[in-house]
Amino acid sequence: MILRPHSSWISRGLLGVVLFLAGAILYVLPGVRDTTFGSAMLVVSILGMALILVHKGFVYVVSRAIPFWNISLLPFLYIAYALRGGAALLLVAAAAAGDVFDIGLLEAIKLWVVVSSGVLLLLYLALANNAGPAARRSLQELVAGRLSPAFYAGTIFLGLVIPIVLGAVGSTTGLWRGLLAFVGLSSLAGDFFVQYCIVKAGIYLPIVGELPPARSYRGRPRLF
C-alpha cells in the first residue's frame, strides 16, 4: 500500500510528505532560494503540500463499508478545514509577531474560510441524512448520541461560533492580540473535533442482515 501511489491514497499522502519536506528543506538552504533550482524545489514543495491537503478526505471517502464516510463532499470538507487550520496558525503567529502580518486581511480571510467550512459541514450532514440507514445512525450518534457533547462543544461552539462571532467583531472594530490568538486556538480546537467526530461516528454497514436497534449500540457502539 505504501509503495502504490497509483492506487492508494495513503501512499499518495506519504509521497506528499516526502515531496514537501525534501523540497522545503532544499529551498531554504543558503544560496538556493534565488536560483532556478530553488524555484524548482519551491514547486516540488507546493505539489507535496497539495497532496497532503487533499489525500486525507479521499482516504475516508473510498471506505464504502462505512457509509458516513463514503460521501463525495467529505474531501472538500477536509480541504476547507485544512485551509482554515492554516489561517488559524497565521492568526496565532500574527498575534505573536505584531506588525509583521496584515492582521486585517488575515481576519477577513479567516472569517470567510470559517463560514465556508460551516456551510460545507451543514451540507455534509444533510447528505449523510440521505445516505442510508448506517449513515443516518452515524448522524444520530453525532447530533443526539454519545458524540454530541464533543460535536456541539468542540465542532460547533469552539470551531464555528467563537471564530465567526469574534471574527465578525474583529472585521469592524479590530481585535487585540490576545483575543486574536484565542480565535486562532479556538478554531484549531474545532478543526480537531470535527475530524474526531467524523471518524468516531463512522458505523460499519453490516455485510448480512440489518443494523441492530439504536439502543444496542449504547455501552458498546460498533464505531470505527
N, C-alpha and C. Protein backbone atom coordinates (compact mmCIF):
# COMPACT_ATOMS: atom_id res chain seq x y z
N MET A 1 0.83 -1.21 0.00
CA MET A 1 0.00 0.00 0.00
C MET A 1 0.86 1.26 0.00
N ILE A 2 1.94 1.25 0.78
CA ILE A 2 2.79 2.43 0.91
C ILE A 2 3.48 2.77 -0.41
N LEU A 3 3.84 1.75 -1.18
CA LEU A 3 4.58 1.97 -2.42
C LEU A 3 3.69 1.90 -3.65
N ARG A 4 2.38 2.17 -3.49
CA ARG A 4 1.47 2.12 -4.62
C ARG A 4 0.68 3.43 -4.76
N PRO A 5 1.35 4.52 -5.11
CA PRO A 5 0.63 5.79 -5.23
C PRO A 5 -0.40 5.80 -6.35
N HIS A 6 -0.29 4.87 -7.30
CA HIS A 6 -1.26 4.81 -8.39
C HIS A 6 -2.62 4.28 -7.93
N SER A 7 -2.64 3.62 -6.76
CA SER A 7 -3.90 3.02 -6.33
C SER A 7 -4.25 3.28 -4.86
N SER A 8 -3.36 3.89 -4.09
CA SER A 8 -3.58 4.06 -2.66
C SER A 8 -3.45 5.53 -2.26
N TRP A 9 -4.50 6.07 -1.62
CA TRP A 9 -4.43 7.45 -1.16
C TRP A 9 -3.51 7.60 0.05
N ILE A 10 -3.33 6.53 0.82
CA ILE A 10 -2.36 6.59 1.92
C ILE A 10 -0.96 6.76 1.35
N SER A 11 -0.66 6.01 0.29
CA SER A 11 0.64 6.12 -0.36
C SER A 11 0.83 7.52 -0.95
N ARG A 12 -0.23 8.08 -1.53
CA ARG A 12 -0.13 9.43 -2.10
C ARG A 12 0.12 10.46 -1.00
N GLY A 13 -0.49 10.26 0.16
CA GLY A 13 -0.25 11.17 1.27
C GLY A 13 1.20 11.12 1.74
N LEU A 14 1.75 9.90 1.85
CA LEU A 14 3.15 9.75 2.25
C LEU A 14 4.08 10.37 1.20
N LEU A 15 3.74 10.18 -0.08
CA LEU A 15 4.52 10.79 -1.14
C LEU A 15 4.49 12.32 -1.01
N GLY A 16 3.32 12.85 -0.67
CA GLY A 16 3.20 14.29 -0.48
C GLY A 16 4.09 14.79 0.65
N VAL A 17 4.16 14.05 1.75
CA VAL A 17 5.02 14.42 2.88
C VAL A 17 6.48 14.44 2.45
N VAL A 18 6.90 13.40 1.71
CA VAL A 18 8.29 13.32 1.25
C VAL A 18 8.62 14.48 0.32
N LEU A 19 7.73 14.75 -0.65
CA LEU A 19 7.97 15.84 -1.59
C LEU A 19 8.02 17.20 -0.88
N PHE A 20 7.09 17.38 0.06
CA PHE A 20 7.05 18.67 0.76
C PHE A 20 8.31 18.89 1.59
N LEU A 21 8.69 17.89 2.37
CA LEU A 21 9.87 18.05 3.23
C LEU A 21 11.15 18.21 2.41
N ALA A 22 11.30 17.37 1.38
CA ALA A 22 12.51 17.45 0.56
C ALA A 22 12.60 18.80 -0.15
N GLY A 23 11.50 19.23 -0.77
CA GLY A 23 11.51 20.49 -1.48
C GLY A 23 11.72 21.68 -0.55
N ALA A 24 11.02 21.67 0.60
CA ALA A 24 11.12 22.81 1.52
C ALA A 24 12.51 22.90 2.14
N ILE A 25 13.08 21.75 2.53
CA ILE A 25 14.42 21.78 3.16
C ILE A 25 15.47 22.27 2.17
N LEU A 26 15.39 21.78 0.93
CA LEU A 26 16.37 22.22 -0.07
C LEU A 26 16.17 23.68 -0.43
N TYR A 27 14.92 24.14 -0.42
CA TYR A 27 14.62 25.53 -0.80
C TYR A 27 15.21 26.54 0.19
N VAL A 28 15.22 26.19 1.47
CA VAL A 28 15.68 27.16 2.48
C VAL A 28 17.18 27.09 2.73
N LEU A 29 17.89 26.20 2.03
CA LEU A 29 19.34 26.15 2.20
C LEU A 29 19.97 27.46 1.72
N PRO A 30 21.05 27.88 2.35
CA PRO A 30 21.72 29.14 1.95
C PRO A 30 22.11 29.14 0.47
N GLY A 31 21.77 30.22 -0.22
CA GLY A 31 22.15 30.39 -1.62
C GLY A 31 21.27 29.68 -2.62
N VAL A 32 20.23 28.96 -2.17
CA VAL A 32 19.40 28.18 -3.08
C VAL A 32 18.15 28.95 -3.50
N ARG A 33 17.59 29.75 -2.62
CA ARG A 33 16.26 30.34 -2.82
C ARG A 33 16.15 31.12 -4.13
N ASP A 34 17.15 31.88 -4.51
CA ASP A 34 17.06 32.75 -5.68
C ASP A 34 17.59 32.12 -6.95
N THR A 35 17.77 30.81 -6.95
CA THR A 35 18.29 30.12 -8.14
C THR A 35 17.16 29.36 -8.84
N THR A 36 17.46 28.89 -10.05
CA THR A 36 16.48 28.08 -10.79
C THR A 36 16.16 26.80 -10.03
N PHE A 37 17.20 26.21 -9.44
CA PHE A 37 16.98 25.01 -8.63
C PHE A 37 16.07 25.31 -7.45
N GLY A 38 16.26 26.47 -6.83
CA GLY A 38 15.41 26.85 -5.72
C GLY A 38 13.96 27.00 -6.14
N SER A 39 13.73 27.60 -7.29
CA SER A 39 12.36 27.73 -7.81
C SER A 39 11.74 26.36 -8.05
N ALA A 40 12.55 25.43 -8.57
CA ALA A 40 12.05 24.08 -8.81
C ALA A 40 11.68 23.39 -7.50
N MET A 41 12.51 23.58 -6.48
CA MET A 41 12.23 22.98 -5.18
C MET A 41 10.98 23.59 -4.54
N LEU A 42 10.75 24.88 -4.77
CA LEU A 42 9.54 25.51 -4.27
C LEU A 42 8.31 24.87 -4.90
N VAL A 43 8.37 24.62 -6.21
CA VAL A 43 7.27 23.97 -6.91
C VAL A 43 7.05 22.56 -6.36
N VAL A 44 8.14 21.83 -6.13
CA VAL A 44 8.04 20.47 -5.58
C VAL A 44 7.37 20.49 -4.21
N SER A 45 7.77 21.43 -3.35
CA SER A 45 7.20 21.51 -2.01
C SER A 45 5.71 21.87 -2.07
N ILE A 46 5.33 22.74 -3.02
CA ILE A 46 3.92 23.11 -3.17
C ILE A 46 3.10 21.92 -3.65
N LEU A 47 3.66 21.13 -4.57
CA LEU A 47 2.97 19.92 -5.02
C LEU A 47 2.79 18.93 -3.87
N GLY A 48 3.82 18.78 -3.06
CA GLY A 48 3.71 17.91 -1.89
C GLY A 48 2.66 18.41 -0.92
N MET A 49 2.63 19.72 -0.70
CA MET A 49 1.63 20.31 0.18
C MET A 49 0.23 20.05 -0.33
N ALA A 50 0.04 20.15 -1.66
CA ALA A 50 -1.27 19.90 -2.25
C ALA A 50 -1.72 18.46 -2.02
N LEU A 51 -0.79 17.51 -2.17
CA LEU A 51 -1.13 16.11 -1.92
C LEU A 51 -1.51 15.88 -0.46
N ILE A 52 -0.76 16.50 0.45
CA ILE A 52 -1.08 16.38 1.88
C ILE A 52 -2.46 16.96 2.15
N LEU A 53 -2.77 18.07 1.48
CA LEU A 53 -4.03 18.78 1.70
C LEU A 53 -5.23 17.93 1.31
N VAL A 54 -5.12 17.21 0.19
CA VAL A 54 -6.31 16.54 -0.35
C VAL A 54 -6.41 15.07 0.02
N HIS A 55 -5.30 14.44 0.43
CA HIS A 55 -5.34 12.98 0.50
C HIS A 55 -6.22 12.44 1.62
N LYS A 56 -6.28 13.13 2.76
CA LYS A 56 -6.95 12.55 3.92
C LYS A 56 -8.43 12.32 3.67
N GLY A 57 -9.09 13.30 3.06
CA GLY A 57 -10.51 13.14 2.78
C GLY A 57 -10.78 11.97 1.84
N PHE A 58 -9.89 11.77 0.86
CA PHE A 58 -10.07 10.67 -0.09
C PHE A 58 -9.78 9.32 0.56
N VAL A 59 -8.88 9.29 1.57
CA VAL A 59 -8.65 8.05 2.31
C VAL A 59 -9.95 7.54 2.91
N TYR A 60 -10.75 8.46 3.46
CA TYR A 60 -12.01 8.07 4.09
C TYR A 60 -13.13 7.83 3.08
N VAL A 61 -13.21 8.66 2.06
CA VAL A 61 -14.36 8.60 1.16
C VAL A 61 -14.40 7.30 0.35
N VAL A 62 -13.26 6.63 0.17
CA VAL A 62 -13.26 5.37 -0.57
C VAL A 62 -13.67 4.19 0.31
N SER A 63 -13.96 4.44 1.59
CA SER A 63 -14.35 3.36 2.52
C SER A 63 -15.85 3.10 2.38
N ARG A 64 -16.22 2.26 1.42
CA ARG A 64 -17.63 2.03 1.15
C ARG A 64 -18.33 1.26 2.27
N ALA A 65 -17.56 0.57 3.09
CA ALA A 65 -18.17 -0.18 4.19
C ALA A 65 -18.67 0.74 5.30
N ILE A 66 -18.27 2.01 5.27
CA ILE A 66 -18.72 2.97 6.28
C ILE A 66 -19.41 4.12 5.54
N PRO A 67 -20.72 4.02 5.35
CA PRO A 67 -21.45 5.00 4.51
C PRO A 67 -21.30 6.45 4.96
N PHE A 68 -21.11 6.69 6.27
CA PHE A 68 -20.98 8.06 6.75
C PHE A 68 -19.73 8.73 6.18
N TRP A 69 -18.71 7.93 5.86
CA TRP A 69 -17.50 8.46 5.23
C TRP A 69 -17.61 8.49 3.72
N ASN A 70 -18.41 7.60 3.17
CA ASN A 70 -18.49 7.42 1.72
C ASN A 70 -19.44 8.45 1.09
N ILE A 71 -19.17 9.72 1.39
CA ILE A 71 -19.97 10.83 0.88
C ILE A 71 -19.04 11.74 0.09
N SER A 72 -19.40 12.04 -1.15
CA SER A 72 -18.49 12.72 -2.07
C SER A 72 -18.04 14.09 -1.58
N LEU A 73 -18.79 14.72 -0.68
CA LEU A 73 -18.42 16.05 -0.20
C LEU A 73 -17.30 16.01 0.84
N LEU A 74 -17.02 14.84 1.40
CA LEU A 74 -16.06 14.76 2.51
C LEU A 74 -14.66 15.29 2.16
N PRO A 75 -14.08 14.95 0.99
CA PRO A 75 -12.76 15.50 0.69
C PRO A 75 -12.74 17.03 0.66
N PHE A 76 -13.79 17.63 0.14
CA PHE A 76 -13.85 19.10 0.08
C PHE A 76 -13.99 19.69 1.49
N LEU A 77 -14.71 18.98 2.36
CA LEU A 77 -14.83 19.43 3.75
C LEU A 77 -13.47 19.39 4.43
N TYR A 78 -12.71 18.32 4.21
CA TYR A 78 -11.38 18.22 4.82
C TYR A 78 -10.44 19.29 4.26
N ILE A 79 -10.54 19.58 2.97
CA ILE A 79 -9.71 20.63 2.38
C ILE A 79 -10.04 21.97 3.01
N ALA A 80 -11.34 22.25 3.18
CA ALA A 80 -11.76 23.52 3.79
C ALA A 80 -11.22 23.64 5.21
N TYR A 81 -11.29 22.54 5.97
CA TYR A 81 -10.79 22.60 7.35
C TYR A 81 -9.26 22.67 7.39
N ALA A 82 -8.59 22.10 6.39
CA ALA A 82 -7.14 22.24 6.34
C ALA A 82 -6.75 23.69 6.07
N LEU A 83 -7.48 24.35 5.18
CA LEU A 83 -7.21 25.76 4.88
C LEU A 83 -7.47 26.64 6.09
N ARG A 84 -8.57 26.36 6.79
CA ARG A 84 -8.86 27.19 7.96
C ARG A 84 -7.88 26.92 9.09
N GLY A 85 -7.34 25.71 9.14
CA GLY A 85 -6.30 25.43 10.11
C GLY A 85 -5.05 26.25 9.84
N GLY A 86 -4.69 26.36 8.55
CA GLY A 86 -3.56 27.19 8.19
C GLY A 86 -3.81 28.65 8.53
N ALA A 87 -5.04 29.12 8.25
CA ALA A 87 -5.38 30.51 8.58
C ALA A 87 -5.34 30.74 10.09
N ALA A 88 -5.76 29.73 10.86
CA ALA A 88 -5.74 29.86 12.33
C ALA A 88 -4.31 29.96 12.84
N LEU A 89 -3.40 29.16 12.27
CA LEU A 89 -1.99 29.24 12.68
C LEU A 89 -1.40 30.61 12.34
N LEU A 90 -1.81 31.17 11.19
CA LEU A 90 -1.34 32.50 10.83
C LEU A 90 -1.85 33.56 11.80
N LEU A 91 -3.10 33.38 12.28
CA LEU A 91 -3.62 34.32 13.26
C LEU A 91 -2.81 34.27 14.55
N VAL A 92 -2.49 33.07 15.00
CA VAL A 92 -1.68 32.93 16.22
C VAL A 92 -0.30 33.55 16.00
N ALA A 93 0.29 33.28 14.83
CA ALA A 93 1.60 33.86 14.52
C ALA A 93 1.53 35.38 14.44
N ALA A 94 0.43 35.90 13.85
CA ALA A 94 0.27 37.35 13.74
C ALA A 94 0.13 37.99 15.11
N ALA A 95 -0.57 37.30 16.02
CA ALA A 95 -0.72 37.84 17.37
C ALA A 95 0.62 37.91 18.08
N ALA A 96 1.50 36.97 17.77
CA ALA A 96 2.81 36.95 18.42
C ALA A 96 3.81 37.89 17.75
N ALA A 97 3.67 38.05 16.41
CA ALA A 97 4.66 38.83 15.66
C ALA A 97 4.32 40.30 15.55
N GLY A 98 3.07 40.65 15.78
CA GLY A 98 2.71 42.06 15.72
C GLY A 98 2.50 42.56 14.31
N ASP A 99 3.24 43.60 13.91
CA ASP A 99 3.01 44.28 12.65
C ASP A 99 3.63 43.59 11.44
N VAL A 100 4.20 42.41 11.63
CA VAL A 100 4.80 41.68 10.51
C VAL A 100 3.73 41.24 9.53
N PHE A 101 2.53 40.91 10.01
CA PHE A 101 1.44 40.44 9.18
C PHE A 101 0.38 41.53 9.03
N ASP A 102 -0.37 41.44 7.92
CA ASP A 102 -1.54 42.30 7.74
C ASP A 102 -2.71 41.65 8.49
N ILE A 103 -2.90 42.03 9.73
CA ILE A 103 -3.87 41.37 10.59
C ILE A 103 -5.29 41.53 10.05
N GLY A 104 -5.62 42.71 9.53
CA GLY A 104 -6.95 42.92 8.99
C GLY A 104 -7.28 41.96 7.87
N LEU A 105 -6.32 41.75 6.97
CA LEU A 105 -6.52 40.81 5.86
C LEU A 105 -6.67 39.39 6.38
N LEU A 106 -5.83 39.01 7.35
CA LEU A 106 -5.92 37.67 7.92
C LEU A 106 -7.27 37.44 8.58
N GLU A 107 -7.78 38.42 9.29
CA GLU A 107 -9.09 38.29 9.94
C GLU A 107 -10.18 38.07 8.91
N ALA A 108 -10.12 38.82 7.80
CA ALA A 108 -11.14 38.69 6.75
C ALA A 108 -11.07 37.31 6.10
N ILE A 109 -9.85 36.85 5.80
CA ILE A 109 -9.69 35.53 5.19
C ILE A 109 -10.17 34.44 6.14
N LYS A 110 -9.80 34.55 7.41
CA LYS A 110 -10.20 33.55 8.39
C LYS A 110 -11.71 33.49 8.53
N LEU A 111 -12.36 34.65 8.58
CA LEU A 111 -13.82 34.67 8.72
C LEU A 111 -14.48 34.02 7.51
N TRP A 112 -13.99 34.31 6.32
CA TRP A 112 -14.56 33.73 5.10
C TRP A 112 -14.38 32.21 5.09
N VAL A 113 -13.19 31.74 5.46
CA VAL A 113 -12.92 30.30 5.45
C VAL A 113 -13.76 29.58 6.50
N VAL A 114 -13.93 30.17 7.68
CA VAL A 114 -14.73 29.53 8.73
C VAL A 114 -16.20 29.44 8.32
N VAL A 115 -16.73 30.50 7.77
CA VAL A 115 -18.13 30.48 7.32
C VAL A 115 -18.31 29.44 6.21
N SER A 116 -17.37 29.40 5.27
CA SER A 116 -17.46 28.43 4.18
C SER A 116 -17.40 27.00 4.69
N SER A 117 -16.50 26.74 5.65
CA SER A 117 -16.39 25.38 6.20
C SER A 117 -17.65 25.02 6.98
N GLY A 118 -18.27 26.00 7.65
CA GLY A 118 -19.52 25.73 8.35
C GLY A 118 -20.64 25.35 7.39
N VAL A 119 -20.71 26.03 6.25
CA VAL A 119 -21.72 25.70 5.24
C VAL A 119 -21.48 24.30 4.69
N LEU A 120 -20.21 23.97 4.41
CA LEU A 120 -19.89 22.64 3.91
C LEU A 120 -20.23 21.57 4.93
N LEU A 121 -20.02 21.84 6.21
CA LEU A 121 -20.35 20.88 7.25
C LEU A 121 -21.85 20.62 7.29
N LEU A 122 -22.65 21.67 7.18
CA LEU A 122 -24.11 21.50 7.17
C LEU A 122 -24.55 20.69 5.95
N LEU A 123 -23.96 20.97 4.79
CA LEU A 123 -24.29 20.21 3.59
C LEU A 123 -23.90 18.75 3.74
N TYR A 124 -22.75 18.51 4.35
CA TYR A 124 -22.29 17.14 4.56
C TYR A 124 -23.26 16.37 5.46
N LEU A 125 -23.71 17.00 6.53
CA LEU A 125 -24.65 16.34 7.44
C LEU A 125 -25.99 16.10 6.75
N ALA A 126 -26.41 17.03 5.90
CA ALA A 126 -27.65 16.85 5.16
C ALA A 126 -27.53 15.67 4.19
N LEU A 127 -26.40 15.54 3.53
CA LEU A 127 -26.18 14.40 2.63
C LEU A 127 -26.14 13.08 3.41
N ALA A 128 -25.53 13.11 4.60
CA ALA A 128 -25.46 11.90 5.43
C ALA A 128 -26.86 11.43 5.82
N ASN A 129 -27.77 12.37 6.02
CA ASN A 129 -29.13 12.02 6.41
C ASN A 129 -29.86 11.26 5.31
N ASN A 130 -29.36 11.37 4.08
CA ASN A 130 -29.99 10.70 2.95
C ASN A 130 -29.10 9.62 2.34
N ALA A 131 -28.10 9.17 3.09
CA ALA A 131 -27.13 8.21 2.56
C ALA A 131 -27.36 6.79 3.07
N GLY A 132 -28.54 6.50 3.56
CA GLY A 132 -28.84 5.16 4.02
C GLY A 132 -28.91 5.04 5.53
N PRO A 133 -29.39 3.91 6.04
CA PRO A 133 -29.60 3.75 7.48
C PRO A 133 -28.33 3.82 8.31
N ALA A 134 -27.21 3.28 7.81
CA ALA A 134 -25.97 3.31 8.60
C ALA A 134 -25.46 4.75 8.74
N ALA A 135 -25.53 5.51 7.66
CA ALA A 135 -25.09 6.91 7.72
C ALA A 135 -26.01 7.72 8.63
N ARG A 136 -27.33 7.43 8.58
CA ARG A 136 -28.25 8.14 9.47
C ARG A 136 -27.99 7.78 10.92
N ARG A 137 -27.62 6.52 11.19
CA ARG A 137 -27.28 6.13 12.55
C ARG A 137 -26.03 6.90 13.02
N SER A 138 -25.06 7.04 12.12
CA SER A 138 -23.86 7.83 12.46
C SER A 138 -24.24 9.27 12.78
N LEU A 139 -25.15 9.81 11.98
CA LEU A 139 -25.59 11.19 12.20
C LEU A 139 -26.30 11.32 13.55
N GLN A 140 -27.09 10.32 13.92
CA GLN A 140 -27.76 10.34 15.22
C GLN A 140 -26.74 10.30 16.36
N GLU A 141 -25.70 9.48 16.21
CA GLU A 141 -24.65 9.43 17.24
C GLU A 141 -23.98 10.80 17.38
N LEU A 142 -23.89 11.50 16.27
CA LEU A 142 -23.21 12.79 16.26
C LEU A 142 -24.04 13.89 16.91
N VAL A 143 -25.31 13.98 16.55
CA VAL A 143 -26.12 15.12 16.99
C VAL A 143 -26.96 14.82 18.23
N ALA A 144 -27.18 13.55 18.55
CA ALA A 144 -28.02 13.24 19.70
C ALA A 144 -27.54 12.03 20.50
N GLY A 145 -26.35 11.52 20.19
CA GLY A 145 -25.83 10.35 20.88
C GLY A 145 -24.62 10.66 21.73
N ARG A 146 -23.77 9.67 21.89
CA ARG A 146 -22.64 9.81 22.81
C ARG A 146 -21.58 10.78 22.31
N LEU A 147 -21.59 11.10 21.00
CA LEU A 147 -20.62 12.05 20.46
C LEU A 147 -21.13 13.48 20.47
N SER A 148 -22.39 13.67 20.86
CA SER A 148 -22.97 15.01 20.79
C SER A 148 -22.25 16.05 21.65
N PRO A 149 -21.75 15.72 22.87
CA PRO A 149 -21.01 16.75 23.62
C PRO A 149 -19.78 17.26 22.87
N ALA A 150 -19.01 16.34 22.29
CA ALA A 150 -17.83 16.75 21.53
C ALA A 150 -18.23 17.53 20.28
N PHE A 151 -19.33 17.12 19.66
CA PHE A 151 -19.76 17.79 18.44
C PHE A 151 -20.23 19.22 18.72
N TYR A 152 -21.10 19.39 19.71
CA TYR A 152 -21.65 20.72 19.98
C TYR A 152 -20.63 21.64 20.65
N ALA A 153 -19.90 21.11 21.64
CA ALA A 153 -18.94 21.95 22.35
C ALA A 153 -17.69 22.21 21.52
N GLY A 154 -17.18 21.17 20.86
CA GLY A 154 -15.94 21.31 20.11
C GLY A 154 -16.12 21.81 18.69
N THR A 155 -16.88 21.06 17.90
CA THR A 155 -17.04 21.41 16.49
C THR A 155 -17.85 22.69 16.29
N ILE A 156 -19.00 22.79 16.98
CA ILE A 156 -19.88 23.93 16.76
C ILE A 156 -19.44 25.17 17.54
N PHE A 157 -19.30 25.03 18.88
CA PHE A 157 -19.03 26.22 19.69
C PHE A 157 -17.59 26.73 19.48
N LEU A 158 -16.60 25.84 19.74
CA LEU A 158 -15.21 26.28 19.59
C LEU A 158 -14.82 26.52 18.14
N GLY A 159 -15.32 25.65 17.25
CA GLY A 159 -14.87 25.71 15.87
C GLY A 159 -15.63 26.67 14.98
N LEU A 160 -16.89 26.99 15.32
CA LEU A 160 -17.68 27.85 14.45
C LEU A 160 -18.18 29.11 15.14
N VAL A 161 -18.84 28.94 16.29
CA VAL A 161 -19.47 30.09 16.95
C VAL A 161 -18.44 31.14 17.36
N ILE A 162 -17.42 30.72 18.10
CA ILE A 162 -16.41 31.68 18.57
C ILE A 162 -15.66 32.35 17.42
N PRO A 163 -15.13 31.59 16.45
CA PRO A 163 -14.43 32.27 15.35
C PRO A 163 -15.33 33.19 14.52
N ILE A 164 -16.59 32.79 14.29
CA ILE A 164 -17.47 33.63 13.47
C ILE A 164 -17.85 34.90 14.21
N VAL A 165 -18.26 34.76 15.49
CA VAL A 165 -18.70 35.93 16.25
C VAL A 165 -17.53 36.90 16.46
N LEU A 166 -16.41 36.39 16.97
CA LEU A 166 -15.27 37.27 17.21
C LEU A 166 -14.65 37.76 15.90
N GLY A 167 -14.71 36.93 14.86
CA GLY A 167 -14.20 37.36 13.57
C GLY A 167 -15.03 38.49 12.99
N ALA A 168 -16.37 38.40 13.15
CA ALA A 168 -17.24 39.47 12.67
C ALA A 168 -16.99 40.76 13.45
N VAL A 169 -16.80 40.63 14.77
CA VAL A 169 -16.49 41.81 15.58
C VAL A 169 -15.14 42.40 15.17
N GLY A 170 -14.16 41.52 14.96
CA GLY A 170 -12.83 41.99 14.60
C GLY A 170 -12.77 42.67 13.25
N SER A 171 -13.65 42.24 12.31
CA SER A 171 -13.65 42.85 10.98
C SER A 171 -14.15 44.28 11.00
N THR A 172 -14.87 44.66 12.05
CA THR A 172 -15.41 46.02 12.14
C THR A 172 -14.67 46.88 13.16
N THR A 173 -14.28 46.29 14.28
CA THR A 173 -13.64 47.09 15.34
C THR A 173 -12.19 46.71 15.59
N GLY A 174 -11.76 45.54 15.09
CA GLY A 174 -10.41 45.08 15.36
C GLY A 174 -10.34 44.31 16.68
N LEU A 175 -9.37 43.42 16.78
CA LEU A 175 -9.19 42.62 17.99
C LEU A 175 -7.78 42.83 18.54
N TRP A 176 -7.67 42.89 19.85
CA TRP A 176 -6.34 42.96 20.44
C TRP A 176 -5.67 41.60 20.31
N ARG A 177 -4.35 41.60 20.40
CA ARG A 177 -3.57 40.42 20.03
C ARG A 177 -3.95 39.17 20.82
N GLY A 178 -4.19 39.31 22.11
CA GLY A 178 -4.55 38.15 22.91
C GLY A 178 -5.82 37.50 22.42
N LEU A 179 -6.81 38.31 22.07
CA LEU A 179 -8.08 37.78 21.58
C LEU A 179 -7.91 37.18 20.19
N LEU A 180 -7.03 37.76 19.41
CA LEU A 180 -6.74 37.22 18.08
C LEU A 180 -6.15 35.82 18.19
N ALA A 181 -5.21 35.64 19.12
CA ALA A 181 -4.63 34.32 19.35
C ALA A 181 -5.68 33.34 19.85
N PHE A 182 -6.60 33.83 20.69
CA PHE A 182 -7.66 32.97 21.21
C PHE A 182 -8.56 32.47 20.08
N VAL A 183 -8.88 33.35 19.12
CA VAL A 183 -9.68 32.95 17.97
C VAL A 183 -8.98 31.84 17.19
N GLY A 184 -7.67 32.03 16.96
CA GLY A 184 -6.92 31.02 16.23
C GLY A 184 -6.87 29.69 16.95
N LEU A 185 -6.62 29.71 18.25
CA LEU A 185 -6.55 28.47 19.04
C LEU A 185 -7.91 27.80 19.13
N SER A 186 -8.97 28.59 19.27
CA SER A 186 -10.32 28.03 19.31
C SER A 186 -10.66 27.34 17.99
N SER A 187 -10.28 27.99 16.89
CA SER A 187 -10.52 27.40 15.58
C SER A 187 -9.74 26.11 15.39
N LEU A 188 -8.50 26.07 15.86
CA LEU A 188 -7.70 24.84 15.77
C LEU A 188 -8.34 23.72 16.58
N ALA A 189 -8.87 24.04 17.75
CA ALA A 189 -9.57 23.03 18.55
C ALA A 189 -10.79 22.51 17.79
N GLY A 190 -11.53 23.42 17.14
CA GLY A 190 -12.68 23.00 16.34
C GLY A 190 -12.28 22.11 15.19
N ASP A 191 -11.12 22.39 14.57
CA ASP A 191 -10.62 21.54 13.48
C ASP A 191 -10.37 20.12 13.98
N PHE A 192 -9.79 20.01 15.16
CA PHE A 192 -9.55 18.68 15.74
C PHE A 192 -10.87 17.96 16.00
N PHE A 193 -11.83 18.65 16.60
CA PHE A 193 -13.07 17.99 16.99
C PHE A 193 -13.91 17.57 15.79
N VAL A 194 -13.91 18.34 14.70
CA VAL A 194 -14.72 17.93 13.56
C VAL A 194 -14.17 16.64 12.97
N GLN A 195 -12.85 16.50 12.89
CA GLN A 195 -12.28 15.27 12.36
C GLN A 195 -12.47 14.11 13.34
N TYR A 196 -12.32 14.39 14.62
CA TYR A 196 -12.54 13.36 15.63
C TYR A 196 -13.98 12.84 15.55
N CYS A 197 -14.93 13.75 15.47
CA CYS A 197 -16.34 13.34 15.46
C CYS A 197 -16.69 12.56 14.20
N ILE A 198 -16.19 13.00 13.04
CA ILE A 198 -16.49 12.29 11.79
C ILE A 198 -15.91 10.88 11.82
N VAL A 199 -14.68 10.75 12.31
CA VAL A 199 -14.05 9.42 12.36
C VAL A 199 -14.78 8.52 13.35
N LYS A 200 -15.06 9.03 14.55
CA LYS A 200 -15.67 8.20 15.58
C LYS A 200 -17.13 7.85 15.28
N ALA A 201 -17.80 8.67 14.47
CA ALA A 201 -19.21 8.41 14.17
C ALA A 201 -19.40 7.37 13.08
N GLY A 202 -18.32 7.00 12.39
CA GLY A 202 -18.45 6.04 11.30
C GLY A 202 -18.88 4.66 11.78
N ILE A 203 -19.98 4.16 11.25
CA ILE A 203 -20.52 2.84 11.62
C ILE A 203 -20.44 1.92 10.41
N TYR A 204 -19.91 0.73 10.63
CA TYR A 204 -19.81 -0.24 9.56
C TYR A 204 -21.20 -0.69 9.10
N LEU A 205 -21.36 -0.78 7.79
CA LEU A 205 -22.59 -1.33 7.23
C LEU A 205 -22.50 -2.86 7.32
N PRO A 206 -23.46 -3.53 7.96
CA PRO A 206 -23.40 -4.99 8.08
C PRO A 206 -23.35 -5.67 6.72
N ILE A 207 -22.51 -6.69 6.60
CA ILE A 207 -22.41 -7.42 5.34
C ILE A 207 -23.69 -8.21 5.10
N VAL A 208 -24.23 -8.79 6.14
CA VAL A 208 -25.51 -9.50 6.03
C VAL A 208 -26.43 -8.99 7.13
N GLY A 209 -27.71 -9.07 6.90
CA GLY A 209 -28.68 -8.64 7.90
C GLY A 209 -28.86 -7.13 7.89
N GLU A 210 -29.46 -6.64 8.97
CA GLU A 210 -29.75 -5.22 9.10
C GLU A 210 -29.04 -4.64 10.31
N LEU A 211 -29.02 -3.32 10.35
CA LEU A 211 -28.48 -2.66 11.54
C LEU A 211 -29.33 -3.00 12.75
N PRO A 212 -28.71 -3.35 13.88
CA PRO A 212 -29.48 -3.59 15.10
C PRO A 212 -30.12 -2.31 15.59
N PRO A 213 -31.10 -2.40 16.48
CA PRO A 213 -31.72 -1.19 17.02
C PRO A 213 -30.69 -0.28 17.66
N ALA A 214 -31.01 1.01 17.69
CA ALA A 214 -30.06 2.00 18.20
C ALA A 214 -29.66 1.73 19.63
N ARG A 215 -30.58 1.21 20.45
CA ARG A 215 -30.25 1.00 21.86
C ARG A 215 -29.17 -0.05 22.05
N SER A 216 -28.97 -0.95 21.06
CA SER A 216 -27.95 -1.98 21.23
C SER A 216 -26.55 -1.41 21.10
N TYR A 217 -26.43 -0.17 20.61
CA TYR A 217 -25.12 0.45 20.50
C TYR A 217 -24.68 1.09 21.80
N ARG A 218 -25.60 1.32 22.70
CA ARG A 218 -25.23 2.01 23.94
C ARG A 218 -24.35 1.09 24.79
N GLY A 219 -23.25 1.63 25.24
CA GLY A 219 -22.33 0.85 26.05
C GLY A 219 -21.26 0.14 25.25
N ARG A 220 -21.63 -0.30 24.02
CA ARG A 220 -20.64 -0.95 23.17
C ARG A 220 -20.95 -0.63 21.71
N PRO A 221 -20.89 0.63 21.35
CA PRO A 221 -21.21 1.03 19.99
C PRO A 221 -20.23 0.45 18.99
N ARG A 222 -20.74 0.03 17.85
CA ARG A 222 -19.89 -0.51 16.81
C ARG A 222 -19.39 0.65 15.95
N LEU A 223 -18.48 1.40 16.51
CA LEU A 223 -17.92 2.54 15.81
C LEU A 223 -16.48 2.23 15.44
N PHE A 224 -16.01 2.90 14.39
CA PHE A 224 -14.62 2.70 13.95
C PHE A 224 -13.65 3.15 15.03
